[in-house]
Amino acid sequence: MPVPLYTQTVIALIWDFDRTLIPSNQQDPLFEAYGVDAREFWTEVDGLVEYYRQRGIRIARDTAYLNHMLTYVEHGIFAGLTRARLRELGEQIEPAPGMPEFLERSRAYVQEIPEFAHEGITVEHYVVSTGILPMIEGSVFASAIDGIWANDFIERPAPPGYIDTLGMDEGDHPITHLGYTLDNTSKTRAVFEINKGVNLNPTIDVNALMDEEQRRVPIKNMIYIADGPSDVPVFSILNQRGGKTLGVYTTSPANNFRQVRQLQIQGRIQGMAEADYREGAAAYLWLMDSIDQIGWEIVEARRRAFAEIPRAPGHAE
């Protein structure tokens, strides 16, 4: 058996962003800054798949809004929109109640339990979102999370022959192309990157064959928190492999509650609570109890592993 790469004492909380860590859509400050009617923008986005289908073009539904943002830039509606400007607008994103304080409270909690501290158990937080990376980086969550998977833009693409040039103009320019993209299905790739430790050791390929004992964060040590049907692929993986899943909802709009309730009825989530993470709230209690359960499972597994180590022979009488 190969030598274990990790002690597997990390508990990873993986968060969706919109209507999970924040009470609404992260793009709201963008629309407000440029005087754009949010409802009109999203109505246009909802019609894009059919618009292009009628013209013999197939587009990805999950990321259609990103291309529509670029169209708004091109037509001068989001005039001069840069990655830096998106990061500035991210500062205006309102966090959900109890956030980001809960993130640090959960880390501190495992240090307060002597058995957990003795085994070196830690809590890490990750955001996996179909939202916009620079906006999340600009938010109050940036310094409190351990990694972000989200969509990003390119301002000036590398031109033909760029390898032989001295470099490109690095000044701020409006966004023009999609860079990294993440849809509802590829969120699962982020889960496996955390699982295998790719985010900390990029020499490991996410598709590399690895024994469960070799992985940095077993899926059974993960908790996924999200708000909607788009998160079903990740919910399914965690449910199948021993992880924990919490569906959260906001009270406005009302259909957000109904969507999460439907996930619970279908057995796609293990728990359901309002996206309120203040001490004593249902989400706070559910998550802290889940961290507690996983922590004690790690302690017990490490005690069993230690007990199985053969003892050295004693002296003969």
Protein backbone atom coordinates (compact mmCIF):
# COMPACT_ATOMS: atom_id res chain seq x y z
CA MET A 1 0.00 0.00 0.00
CA PRO A 2 1.39 3.47 -0.88
CA VAL A 3 2.48 5.81 1.88
CA PRO A 4 -0.46 8.13 2.70
CA LEU A 5 0.05 11.64 1.36
CA TYR A 6 -2.20 13.29 3.94
CA THR A 7 -3.52 12.76 7.45
CA GLN A 8 -7.09 13.37 6.20
CA THR A 9 -7.96 15.57 9.17
CA VAL A 10 -9.47 18.43 7.12
CA ILE A 11 -13.20 19.13 7.25
CA ALA A 12 -14.16 21.06 4.11
CA LEU A 13 -17.27 23.23 3.87
CA ILE A 14 -18.02 23.95 0.22
CA TRP A 15 -20.35 26.87 -0.42
CA ASP A 16 -22.43 28.06 -3.31
CA PHE A 17 -22.50 31.88 -3.32
CA ASP A 18 -25.71 33.57 -4.46
CA ARG A 19 -28.60 33.06 -2.02
CA THR A 20 -26.27 30.98 0.12
CA LEU A 21 -23.46 33.16 1.43
CA ILE A 22 -25.33 36.28 0.29
CA PRO A 23 -29.09 36.96 0.31
CA SER A 24 -29.46 37.86 -3.37
CA ASN A 25 -27.51 37.87 -6.66
CA GLN A 26 -23.92 39.06 -6.61
CA GLN A 27 -24.44 40.95 -9.89
CA ASP A 28 -26.87 43.42 -8.28
CA PRO A 29 -24.18 46.04 -7.51
CA LEU A 30 -23.04 45.81 -11.15
CA PHE A 31 -26.52 46.52 -12.47
CA GLU A 32 -27.02 49.36 -10.02
CA ALA A 33 -23.68 50.98 -10.90
CA TYR A 34 -24.51 51.02 -14.60
CA GLY A 35 -28.21 51.78 -14.31
CA VAL A 36 -29.28 48.45 -15.78
CA ASP A 37 -32.64 46.89 -14.96
CA ALA A 38 -31.72 43.52 -13.45
CA ARG A 39 -35.05 41.92 -14.33
CA GLU A 40 -34.69 42.99 -17.97
CA PHE A 41 -31.14 41.60 -18.14
CA TRP A 42 -32.11 38.20 -16.71
CA THR A 43 -35.19 38.02 -18.95
CA GLU A 44 -32.91 38.50 -21.93
CA VAL A 45 -30.56 35.82 -20.62
CA ASP A 46 -33.45 33.38 -20.18
CA GLY A 47 -34.32 33.81 -23.85
CA LEU A 48 -30.83 33.39 -25.27
CA VAL A 49 -30.87 29.60 -25.62
CA GLU A 50 -34.00 29.73 -27.79
CA TYR A 51 -32.79 32.85 -29.65
CA TYR A 52 -29.63 31.08 -30.79
CA ARG A 53 -31.34 27.72 -31.32
CA GLN A 54 -33.57 29.32 -33.93
CA ARG A 55 -30.39 30.40 -35.71
CA GLY A 56 -28.85 26.94 -35.62
CA ILE A 57 -26.46 27.74 -32.77
CA ARG A 58 -26.21 25.80 -29.53
CA ILE A 59 -25.06 27.64 -26.42
CA ALA A 60 -24.47 26.64 -22.80
CA ARG A 61 -27.42 27.71 -20.65
CA ASP A 62 -25.43 28.00 -17.40
CA THR A 63 -22.87 30.43 -18.79
CA ALA A 64 -25.03 32.34 -21.29
CA TYR A 65 -25.22 35.31 -18.95
CA LEU A 66 -21.44 35.75 -19.11
CA ASN A 67 -21.49 36.21 -22.88
CA HIS A 68 -24.42 38.59 -22.48
CA MET A 69 -22.32 40.65 -20.08
CA LEU A 70 -19.63 40.87 -22.74
CA THR A 71 -22.27 41.97 -25.23
CA TYR A 72 -23.29 44.73 -22.81
CA VAL A 73 -19.64 45.81 -22.64
CA GLU A 74 -19.33 45.78 -26.42
CA HIS A 75 -22.46 47.94 -26.81
CA GLY A 76 -21.27 50.45 -24.23
CA ILE A 77 -23.84 49.62 -21.57
CA PHE A 78 -21.17 48.23 -19.24
CA ALA A 79 -18.71 50.77 -20.61
CA GLY A 80 -15.13 50.27 -19.45
CA LEU A 81 -15.95 47.25 -17.28
CA THR A 82 -12.65 45.76 -16.13
CA ARG A 83 -11.75 42.94 -13.77
CA ALA A 84 -10.56 45.59 -11.30
CA ARG A 85 -13.93 47.34 -11.51
CA LEU A 86 -15.71 44.03 -10.90
CA ARG A 87 -13.54 43.54 -7.83
CA GLU A 88 -14.49 47.01 -6.56
CA LEU A 89 -18.18 46.26 -7.08
CA GLY A 90 -17.71 43.05 -5.11
CA GLU A 91 -17.03 45.18 -2.04
CA GLN A 92 -20.69 46.22 -2.12
CA ILE A 93 -22.06 42.67 -1.89
CA GLU A 94 -24.12 42.23 1.26
CA PRO A 95 -23.37 39.02 3.21
CA ALA A 96 -26.03 36.75 4.66
CA PRO A 97 -26.82 37.17 8.37
CA GLY A 98 -24.01 35.77 10.49
CA MET A 99 -21.49 35.91 7.66
CA PRO A 100 -18.54 35.95 7.37
CA GLU A 101 -18.24 35.54 11.14
CA PHE A 102 -19.50 31.96 10.99
CA LEU A 103 -16.51 30.94 8.85
CA GLU A 104 -14.02 31.88 11.55
CA ARG A 105 -16.26 30.59 14.34
CA SER A 106 -16.31 27.14 12.77
CA ARG A 107 -12.52 27.10 12.51
CA ALA A 108 -12.19 28.08 16.14
CA TYR A 109 -14.71 25.47 17.26
CA VAL A 110 -12.55 22.48 16.33
CA GLN A 111 -9.63 23.99 18.20
CA GLU A 112 -11.72 24.20 21.38
CA ILE A 113 -12.29 20.44 21.58
CA PRO A 114 -9.14 18.84 23.03
CA GLU A 115 -9.50 15.58 21.07
CA PHE A 116 -9.93 17.46 17.80
CA ALA A 117 -6.98 19.73 18.49
CA HIS A 118 -4.83 16.73 19.45
CA GLU A 119 -5.52 15.06 16.10
CA GLY A 120 -4.87 18.28 14.18
CA ILE A 121 -8.41 18.57 12.83
CA THR A 122 -9.03 21.77 10.89
CA VAL A 123 -11.92 23.38 9.01
CA GLU A 124 -11.50 24.87 5.54
CA HIS A 125 -14.02 26.87 3.50
CA TYR A 126 -14.34 26.94 -0.28
CA VAL A 127 -16.63 28.78 -2.68
CA VAL A 128 -17.75 26.92 -5.81
CA SER A 129 -19.98 29.25 -7.80
CA THR A 130 -21.23 29.94 -11.31
CA GLY A 131 -20.79 33.59 -10.36
CA ILE A 132 -17.92 35.95 -11.15
CA LEU A 133 -14.49 35.43 -9.61
CA PRO A 134 -13.33 39.07 -9.33
CA MET A 135 -16.57 40.05 -7.58
CA ILE A 136 -16.19 37.27 -5.03
CA GLU A 137 -12.53 38.23 -4.58
CA GLY A 138 -13.63 41.78 -3.82
CA SER A 139 -16.25 40.73 -1.28
CA VAL A 140 -15.90 40.45 2.49
CA PHE A 141 -15.45 36.70 2.06
CA ALA A 142 -12.12 36.89 0.24
CA SER A 143 -9.93 36.84 3.35
CA ALA A 144 -12.07 34.23 5.11
CA ILE A 145 -12.10 31.43 2.54
CA ASP A 146 -9.43 29.01 1.39
CA GLY A 147 -10.22 28.89 -2.32
CA ILE A 148 -12.66 30.05 -5.00
CA TRP A 149 -13.91 28.31 -8.12
CA ALA A 150 -15.90 30.77 -10.27
CA ASN A 151 -16.05 32.32 -13.74
CA ASP A 152 -13.47 34.80 -14.92
CA PHE A 153 -12.86 37.10 -17.87
CA ILE A 154 -9.92 38.03 -20.07
CA GLU A 155 -9.33 41.69 -20.83
CA ARG A 156 -6.73 41.43 -23.59
CA PRO A 157 -6.27 37.96 -25.11
CA ALA A 158 -2.83 36.77 -26.09
CA PRO A 159 -2.36 37.64 -29.80
CA PRO A 160 -0.90 35.36 -32.47
CA GLY A 161 2.86 35.15 -31.99
CA TYR A 162 2.65 36.27 -28.37
CA ILE A 163 5.30 33.68 -27.36
CA ASP A 164 7.95 35.55 -29.33
CA THR A 165 7.02 39.01 -28.06
CA LEU A 166 8.35 40.81 -25.01
CA GLY A 167 4.96 40.95 -23.39
CA MET A 168 1.52 42.48 -23.58
CA ASP A 169 0.15 45.74 -22.35
CA GLU A 170 -0.78 44.94 -18.74
CA GLY A 171 -2.88 48.07 -18.17
CA ASP A 172 -6.57 47.90 -17.34
CA HIS A 173 -8.79 47.19 -20.33
CA PRO A 174 -12.47 46.28 -20.59
CA ILE A 175 -13.22 42.57 -20.45
CA THR A 176 -13.52 41.05 -23.93
CA HIS A 177 -13.42 37.25 -23.64
CA LEU A 178 -14.39 34.46 -21.28
CA GLY A 179 -11.52 32.93 -19.35
CA TYR A 180 -12.21 30.18 -16.83
CA THR A 181 -15.83 29.02 -16.86
CA LEU A 182 -17.77 26.91 -14.41
CA ASP A 183 -21.23 25.47 -14.99
CA ASN A 184 -23.51 23.42 -12.79
CA THR A 185 -21.99 20.11 -13.88
CA SER A 186 -18.34 21.17 -13.73
CA LYS A 187 -18.85 22.20 -10.11
CA THR A 188 -18.25 18.51 -9.43
CA ARG A 189 -14.74 18.87 -10.83
CA ALA A 190 -14.01 21.47 -8.15
CA VAL A 191 -15.16 18.99 -5.50
CA PHE A 192 -12.69 16.40 -6.76
CA GLU A 193 -9.90 18.97 -6.95
CA ILE A 194 -10.47 19.68 -3.25
CA ASN A 195 -10.79 15.94 -2.61
CA LYS A 196 -7.43 15.14 -4.23
CA GLY A 197 -5.62 18.30 -3.09
CA VAL A 198 -5.13 19.64 -6.61
CA ASN A 199 -5.74 23.18 -5.35
CA LEU A 200 -2.67 22.91 -3.09
CA ASN A 201 -0.56 20.62 -5.26
CA PRO A 202 -1.12 21.44 -8.95
CA THR A 203 1.23 18.63 -10.01
CA ILE A 204 -1.63 16.24 -9.22
CA ASP A 205 -4.04 15.79 -12.12
CA VAL A 206 -7.70 15.79 -11.11
CA ASN A 207 -8.18 12.69 -13.29
CA ALA A 208 -5.27 10.81 -11.73
CA LEU A 209 -6.14 7.44 -10.23
CA MET A 210 -5.75 7.74 -6.45
CA ASP A 211 -6.68 5.41 -3.63
CA GLU A 212 -9.10 6.89 -1.12
CA GLU A 213 -6.32 6.83 1.49
CA GLN A 214 -4.20 9.09 -0.74
CA ARG A 215 -6.73 11.89 -1.03
CA ARG A 216 -6.37 15.06 1.01
CA VAL A 217 -10.05 15.58 1.93
CA PRO A 218 -12.27 12.48 1.76
CA ILE A 219 -15.71 13.34 0.46
CA LYS A 220 -17.16 11.97 3.70
CA ASN A 221 -15.36 14.91 5.38
CA MET A 222 -17.16 17.45 3.18
CA ILE A 223 -20.30 19.53 3.68
CA TYR A 224 -21.94 21.19 0.67
CA ILE A 225 -24.23 24.16 1.25
CA ALA A 226 -26.31 25.56 -1.62
CA ASP A 227 -29.73 26.81 -2.58
CA GLY A 228 -31.11 25.31 -5.75
CA PRO A 229 -31.71 22.64 -8.38
CA SER A 230 -28.52 23.71 -10.19
CA ASP A 231 -26.55 22.18 -7.32
CA VAL A 232 -28.03 18.70 -7.73
CA PRO A 233 -24.86 17.20 -9.36
CA VAL A 234 -22.74 18.11 -6.31
CA PHE A 235 -25.48 17.15 -3.85
CA SER A 236 -25.64 13.74 -5.53
CA ILE A 237 -21.91 13.07 -5.29
CA LEU A 238 -21.74 13.96 -1.60
CA ASN A 239 -24.86 11.98 -0.76
CA GLN A 240 -23.53 8.91 -2.54
CA ARG A 241 -20.08 9.08 -0.93
CA GLY A 242 -20.88 9.84 2.69
CA GLY A 243 -20.69 13.63 2.68
CA LYS A 244 -23.28 16.00 4.14
CA THR A 245 -25.63 18.29 2.22
CA LEU A 246 -27.58 21.32 3.40
CA GLY A 247 -30.10 23.18 1.27
CA VAL A 248 -30.53 26.80 2.29
CA TYR A 249 -33.16 29.31 1.23
CA THR A 250 -33.93 32.99 1.45
CA THR A 251 -37.39 34.30 2.32
CA SER A 252 -37.46 36.44 -0.83
CA PRO A 253 -38.35 35.49 -3.48
CA ALA A 254 -40.82 32.91 -2.18
CA ASN A 255 -39.99 30.42 -4.94
CA ASN A 256 -36.50 30.03 -3.48
CA PHE A 257 -38.02 28.28 -0.46
CA ARG A 258 -40.16 26.09 -2.70
CA GLN A 259 -37.16 25.03 -4.78
CA VAL A 260 -35.20 23.96 -1.73
CA ARG A 261 -38.24 22.28 -0.21
CA GLN A 262 -38.63 20.26 -3.41
CA LEU A 263 -35.01 19.12 -3.13
CA GLN A 264 -35.76 17.90 0.38
CA ILE A 265 -38.88 16.04 -0.75
CA GLN A 266 -36.85 14.35 -3.49
CA GLY A 267 -34.21 13.27 -0.98
CA ARG A 268 -31.47 15.30 -2.67
CA ILE A 269 -30.45 17.13 0.51
CA GLN A 270 -30.02 15.90 4.06
CA GLY A 271 -31.00 19.13 5.78
CA MET A 272 -32.81 22.39 5.05
CA ALA A 273 -32.57 25.78 6.75
CA GLU A 274 -32.86 29.50 6.12
CA ALA A 275 -29.57 31.08 4.99
CA ASP A 276 -28.99 32.66 8.39
CA TYR A 277 -25.74 31.69 10.09
CA ARG A 278 -26.06 33.61 13.33
CA GLU A 279 -25.44 31.62 16.49
CA GLY A 280 -28.57 29.69 17.42
CA ALA A 281 -30.12 29.82 13.95
CA ALA A 282 -31.06 26.52 12.32
CA ALA A 283 -28.29 26.63 9.71
CA TYR A 284 -25.70 27.43 12.38
CA LEU A 285 -26.83 24.51 14.55
CA TRP A 286 -27.01 22.06 11.63
CA LEU A 287 -23.57 22.95 10.34
CA MET A 288 -21.85 22.95 13.72
CA ASP A 289 -23.44 19.60 14.56
CA SER A 290 -22.23 18.20 11.23
CA ILE A 291 -18.70 19.47 11.89
CA ASP A 292 -18.91 17.83 15.30
CA GLN A 293 -20.02 14.49 13.81
CA ILE A 294 -17.28 14.48 11.18
CA GLY A 295 -14.68 15.48 13.77
CA TRP A 296 -15.51 12.57 16.07
CA GLU A 297 -15.50 10.18 13.11
CA ILE A 298 -11.97 11.35 12.28
CA VAL A 299 -10.87 10.93 15.90
CA GLU A 300 -12.26 7.40 16.04
CA ALA A 301 -10.70 6.43 12.70
CA ARG A 302 -7.29 7.66 13.83
CA ARG A 303 -7.61 5.80 17.14
CA ARG A 304 -8.43 2.58 15.29
CA ALA A 305 -5.50 3.08 12.92
CA PHE A 306 -3.15 3.60 15.86
CA ALA A 307 -4.49 0.52 17.68
CA GLU A 308 -3.78 -1.61 14.61
CA ILE A 309 -0.07 -0.80 14.63
CA PRO A 310 1.75 -4.00 15.73
CA ARG A 311 3.41 -3.65 19.12
CA ALA A 312 7.11 -4.37 19.47
CA PRO A 313 7.92 -7.76 21.05
CA GLY A 314 8.75 -7.63 24.75
CA HIS A 315 11.63 -9.35 26.56
CA ALA A 316 11.20 -13.05 27.22
CA GLU A 317 10.83 -14.04 30.90
